[in-house]
Amino acid sequence: MAKISKRFKALVEKVEAKEYSLVEAVSKLKELKSAKFDESVEVSLNLNIDPRHADQMIRGAVVLPNGTGKTVRVAVFAKGTKVDEAKAAGADIVGNDELVADIKAGIINFDVLIATPDCMGIVGQVGRILGPKGLMPNPKVGTVTMDVTKAVNDAKGGQVTYRVDKKGNMQAAVGKISFSEDAIKENIEAFLSAINKAKPSTAKGRYYTSSTFSLTMSPAVKVSTSELM
């Protein structure tokens, strides 16, 4: 059994055994800051859905109003005029066959990969490498598109992707603890709004079964699910 540090024990003592409101939870996270780096604010949800059914598999992306606080490196597979468009939008890497060669060689110097539809045949050559890393472009999250400018701007400007697992769990980092409480709250509300809009019409009963907020190095704070919708 892993030994719990004195630091973590002290943080646990600050968290009451109750369900906090969204505003209370954000304030509590500020009290739980303890690491020497700028910790991420993380939202964890459990949804009352059955992802085994295709119409209840929730996946998508949302651009947070105050960004993620992270520097995102973006690569783009594009051809013709879309190459210049991607570069003008601020993409860090733009290519085709040479980008495939780098990926095959294990050189993956990007966090998000975008591709135009006409390049997906090329991307498919490295699908087995990209898939397990969560980097495969997908139209459902806006990374397979002809609107390269928007895709690059979204990725650079605070877009987070989300996907429910087979047990209905979903996690996302929605900012940094150095953000103001209002900025964190706005980001969380934007994220929850996207999840609410994605609620399957076939999902019955209470949508959220549990919700917690936490920092990279903190214990979790339970949040009342009644105000998440």
Protein backbone atom coordinates (compact mmCIF):
# COMPACT_ATOMS: atom_id res chain seq x y z
CA MET A 1 0.00 0.00 0.00
CA ALA A 2 1.33 3.43 -0.97
CA LYS A 3 2.25 5.64 1.95
CA ILE A 4 0.26 8.87 2.20
CA SER A 5 2.47 11.91 2.69
CA LYS A 6 1.99 14.44 5.48
CA ARG A 7 1.30 17.06 2.82
CA PHE A 8 -1.55 15.04 1.32
CA LYS A 9 -2.99 14.19 4.75
CA ALA A 10 -3.08 17.88 5.57
CA LEU A 11 -4.96 18.57 2.34
CA VAL A 12 -7.47 15.79 3.01
CA GLU A 13 -8.28 17.39 6.36
CA LYS A 14 -9.28 20.58 4.55
CA VAL A 15 -11.98 18.78 2.54
CA GLU A 16 -15.29 18.22 4.30
CA ALA A 17 -17.27 15.02 3.77
CA LYS A 18 -20.06 16.73 1.88
CA GLU A 19 -21.11 17.74 -1.62
CA TYR A 20 -19.94 21.25 -2.44
CA SER A 21 -21.67 23.67 -4.77
CA LEU A 22 -19.74 24.56 -7.91
CA VAL A 23 -18.69 27.94 -6.49
CA GLU A 24 -17.70 26.41 -3.14
CA ALA A 25 -15.70 23.68 -4.88
CA VAL A 26 -13.69 26.18 -6.93
CA SER A 27 -12.89 28.18 -3.78
CA LYS A 28 -11.85 25.00 -2.00
CA LEU A 29 -9.48 24.11 -4.84
CA LYS A 30 -7.68 27.40 -4.27
CA GLU A 31 -7.10 26.30 -0.66
CA LEU A 32 -5.70 22.96 -1.83
CA LYS A 33 -2.90 24.39 -3.96
CA SER A 34 0.33 22.87 -2.62
CA ALA A 35 2.62 21.90 -5.50
CA LYS A 36 5.59 23.96 -6.63
CA PHE A 37 4.21 24.03 -10.18
CA ASP A 38 0.98 25.45 -11.61
CA GLU A 39 -1.40 22.54 -11.07
CA SER A 40 -4.16 21.67 -13.53
CA VAL A 41 -7.81 21.88 -12.48
CA GLU A 42 -9.43 18.55 -13.29
CA VAL A 43 -13.09 17.63 -13.60
CA SER A 44 -14.15 13.99 -13.22
CA LEU A 45 -17.67 12.85 -14.04
CA ASN A 46 -19.62 9.63 -14.03
CA LEU A 47 -22.58 9.62 -16.39
CA ASN A 48 -25.67 7.46 -16.26
CA ILE A 49 -25.31 6.18 -19.81
CA ASP A 50 -24.34 2.93 -21.53
CA PRO A 51 -21.47 3.60 -23.97
CA ARG A 52 -21.87 0.08 -25.37
CA HIS A 53 -24.71 1.58 -27.40
CA ALA A 54 -23.40 3.72 -30.26
CA ASP A 55 -25.98 6.46 -29.62
CA GLN A 56 -24.74 6.82 -26.04
CA MET A 57 -21.03 7.12 -26.84
CA ILE A 58 -20.27 10.75 -25.93
CA ARG A 59 -17.25 12.26 -27.61
CA GLY A 60 -16.42 15.77 -28.71
CA ALA A 61 -14.49 18.95 -28.07
CA VAL A 62 -15.13 22.35 -26.53
CA VAL A 63 -13.12 25.58 -26.58
CA LEU A 64 -12.76 26.94 -23.05
CA PRO A 65 -13.37 30.71 -22.76
CA ASN A 66 -10.23 31.28 -20.71
CA GLY A 67 -7.99 28.68 -22.35
CA THR A 68 -6.27 25.73 -20.73
CA GLY A 69 -3.12 27.46 -19.57
CA LYS A 70 -1.04 25.05 -21.64
CA THR A 71 1.15 25.67 -24.68
CA VAL A 72 -0.19 23.34 -27.37
CA ARG A 73 1.94 22.17 -30.29
CA VAL A 74 -0.16 21.59 -33.40
CA ALA A 75 0.73 19.50 -36.47
CA VAL A 76 -1.30 19.55 -39.67
CA PHE A 77 -1.56 17.15 -42.61
CA ALA A 78 -2.51 19.31 -45.58
CA LYS A 79 -2.07 19.77 -49.33
CA GLY A 80 -2.01 22.69 -51.75
CA THR A 81 -3.30 26.02 -50.47
CA LYS A 82 -4.19 24.44 -47.12
CA VAL A 83 -0.47 24.17 -46.34
CA ASP A 84 -0.09 27.96 -46.40
CA GLU A 85 -3.38 28.35 -44.53
CA ALA A 86 -2.16 26.07 -41.74
CA LYS A 87 1.16 27.91 -41.46
CA ALA A 88 -0.59 31.29 -41.39
CA ALA A 89 -2.86 30.07 -38.61
CA GLY A 90 0.16 29.24 -36.47
CA ALA A 91 0.57 25.48 -36.89
CA ASP A 92 3.93 24.31 -35.54
CA ILE A 93 4.37 21.51 -38.10
CA VAL A 94 2.80 21.12 -41.55
CA GLY A 95 3.53 18.23 -43.86
CA ASN A 96 2.56 15.00 -45.57
CA ASP A 97 4.94 12.15 -46.42
CA GLU A 98 7.77 13.68 -44.38
CA LEU A 99 5.47 13.94 -41.37
CA VAL A 100 4.52 10.27 -41.77
CA ALA A 101 8.21 9.37 -41.85
CA ASP A 102 8.85 11.28 -38.63
CA ILE A 103 5.94 9.60 -36.86
CA LYS A 104 7.12 6.16 -37.99
CA ALA A 105 10.55 7.03 -36.60
CA GLY A 106 9.03 7.91 -33.25
CA ILE A 107 9.42 11.67 -33.68
CA ILE A 108 6.13 13.08 -32.39
CA ASN A 109 6.71 16.73 -31.56
CA PHE A 110 3.06 17.76 -31.29
CA ASP A 111 0.10 17.55 -28.91
CA VAL A 112 -2.73 17.84 -31.45
CA LEU A 113 -2.88 16.51 -35.00
CA ILE A 114 -5.21 18.03 -37.58
CA ALA A 115 -5.81 16.71 -41.09
CA THR A 116 -7.81 17.75 -44.12
CA PRO A 117 -10.14 14.98 -45.39
CA ASP A 118 -8.06 14.43 -48.54
CA CYS A 119 -5.03 13.59 -46.37
CA MET A 120 -6.67 10.92 -44.22
CA GLY A 121 -5.41 8.17 -46.52
CA ILE A 122 -1.86 9.28 -45.72
CA VAL A 123 -2.62 9.59 -41.99
CA GLY A 124 -3.98 6.05 -42.04
CA GLN A 125 -0.43 4.76 -42.60
CA VAL A 126 0.42 5.72 -39.01
CA GLY A 127 -2.98 5.11 -37.47
CA ARG A 128 -1.69 2.28 -35.29
CA ILE A 129 0.88 4.64 -33.80
CA LEU A 130 -1.41 7.63 -33.36
CA GLY A 131 -4.48 5.76 -32.10
CA PRO A 132 -3.08 4.48 -28.78
CA LYS A 133 -1.65 7.95 -28.08
CA GLY A 134 -5.01 9.61 -28.61
CA LEU A 135 -3.64 11.66 -31.51
CA MET A 136 -5.64 10.24 -34.44
CA PRO A 137 -7.58 13.03 -36.17
CA ASN A 138 -11.35 12.65 -35.87
CA PRO A 139 -14.18 14.71 -37.38
CA LYS A 140 -16.19 14.41 -34.14
CA VAL A 141 -13.64 16.57 -32.32
CA GLY A 142 -13.00 18.90 -35.25
CA THR A 143 -9.55 17.63 -36.17
CA VAL A 144 -10.57 16.34 -39.62
CA THR A 145 -11.71 19.43 -41.47
CA MET A 146 -11.14 21.69 -44.45
CA ASP A 147 -11.37 24.71 -42.13
CA VAL A 148 -7.74 24.43 -41.08
CA THR A 149 -7.58 27.96 -39.71
CA LYS A 150 -10.41 27.39 -37.25
CA ALA A 151 -9.05 23.99 -36.19
CA VAL A 152 -5.58 25.39 -35.47
CA ASN A 153 -6.99 28.42 -33.66
CA ASP A 154 -9.26 26.22 -31.52
CA ALA A 155 -6.41 23.88 -30.61
CA LYS A 156 -4.13 26.77 -29.73
CA GLY A 157 -6.84 28.78 -28.03
CA GLY A 158 -8.03 26.39 -25.34
CA GLN A 159 -9.84 23.44 -26.87
CA VAL A 160 -10.23 20.30 -24.78
CA THR A 161 -11.50 16.99 -26.05
CA TYR A 162 -13.66 14.62 -24.04
CA ARG A 163 -14.71 11.02 -24.36
CA VAL A 164 -16.65 8.77 -22.03
CA ASP A 165 -15.12 5.37 -21.22
CA LYS A 166 -16.98 2.05 -21.13
CA LYS A 167 -18.04 2.63 -17.52
CA GLY A 168 -19.44 6.09 -18.11
CA ASN A 169 -16.44 7.96 -16.68
CA MET A 170 -15.06 11.16 -18.16
CA GLN A 171 -12.12 13.37 -17.12
CA ALA A 172 -10.79 16.66 -18.44
CA ALA A 173 -8.30 19.33 -17.41
CA VAL A 174 -10.12 22.67 -17.62
CA GLY A 175 -7.48 25.23 -16.67
CA LYS A 176 -4.79 26.05 -14.13
CA ILE A 177 -5.11 26.87 -10.44
CA SER A 178 -3.30 30.17 -11.12
CA PHE A 179 -6.45 31.30 -13.00
CA SER A 180 -8.89 33.49 -11.07
CA GLU A 181 -11.86 31.75 -9.43
CA ASP A 182 -14.19 33.37 -11.98
CA ALA A 183 -12.06 32.13 -14.90
CA ILE A 184 -11.99 28.58 -13.52
CA LYS A 185 -15.74 28.66 -12.95
CA GLU A 186 -16.39 29.93 -16.49
CA ASN A 187 -14.24 27.15 -17.96
CA ILE A 188 -16.00 24.47 -15.92
CA GLU A 189 -19.41 25.82 -16.91
CA ALA A 190 -18.42 25.82 -20.60
CA PHE A 191 -17.22 22.21 -20.30
CA LEU A 192 -20.39 21.10 -18.52
CA SER A 193 -22.54 22.91 -21.07
CA ALA A 194 -20.94 20.85 -23.85
CA ILE A 195 -21.53 17.62 -21.91
CA ASN A 196 -25.15 18.58 -21.26
CA LYS A 197 -25.76 19.32 -24.94
CA ALA A 198 -24.29 15.91 -25.77
CA LYS A 199 -26.77 14.08 -23.52
CA PRO A 200 -28.22 11.18 -25.57
CA SER A 201 -31.97 11.31 -26.09
CA THR A 202 -32.06 7.62 -25.13
CA ALA A 203 -30.43 8.24 -21.74
CA LYS A 204 -33.04 7.94 -19.00
CA GLY A 205 -33.09 9.16 -15.41
CA ARG A 206 -30.44 11.25 -13.71
CA TYR A 207 -27.65 12.17 -16.15
CA TYR A 208 -24.83 12.71 -13.63
CA THR A 209 -24.25 10.05 -10.99
CA SER A 210 -21.14 11.64 -9.46
CA SER A 211 -18.83 14.60 -9.95
CA THR A 212 -15.53 15.66 -8.39
CA PHE A 213 -13.06 18.49 -8.92
CA SER A 214 -9.39 18.20 -8.04
CA LEU A 215 -5.90 19.51 -8.71
CA THR A 216 -2.99 17.52 -10.10
CA MET A 217 -1.65 16.89 -6.59
CA SER A 218 -4.76 17.26 -4.41
CA PRO A 219 -7.55 15.09 -3.03
CA ALA A 220 -10.91 15.24 -4.81
CA VAL A 221 -13.73 17.59 -3.84
CA LYS A 222 -17.22 16.13 -4.27
CA VAL A 223 -19.60 18.41 -6.18
CA SER A 224 -23.39 18.35 -6.02
CA THR A 225 -24.69 16.84 -9.26
CA SER A 226 -28.02 18.66 -8.91
CA GLU A 227 -26.58 21.93 -10.23
CA LEU A 228 -24.52 20.52 -13.09
CA MET A 229 -27.35 20.38 -15.60
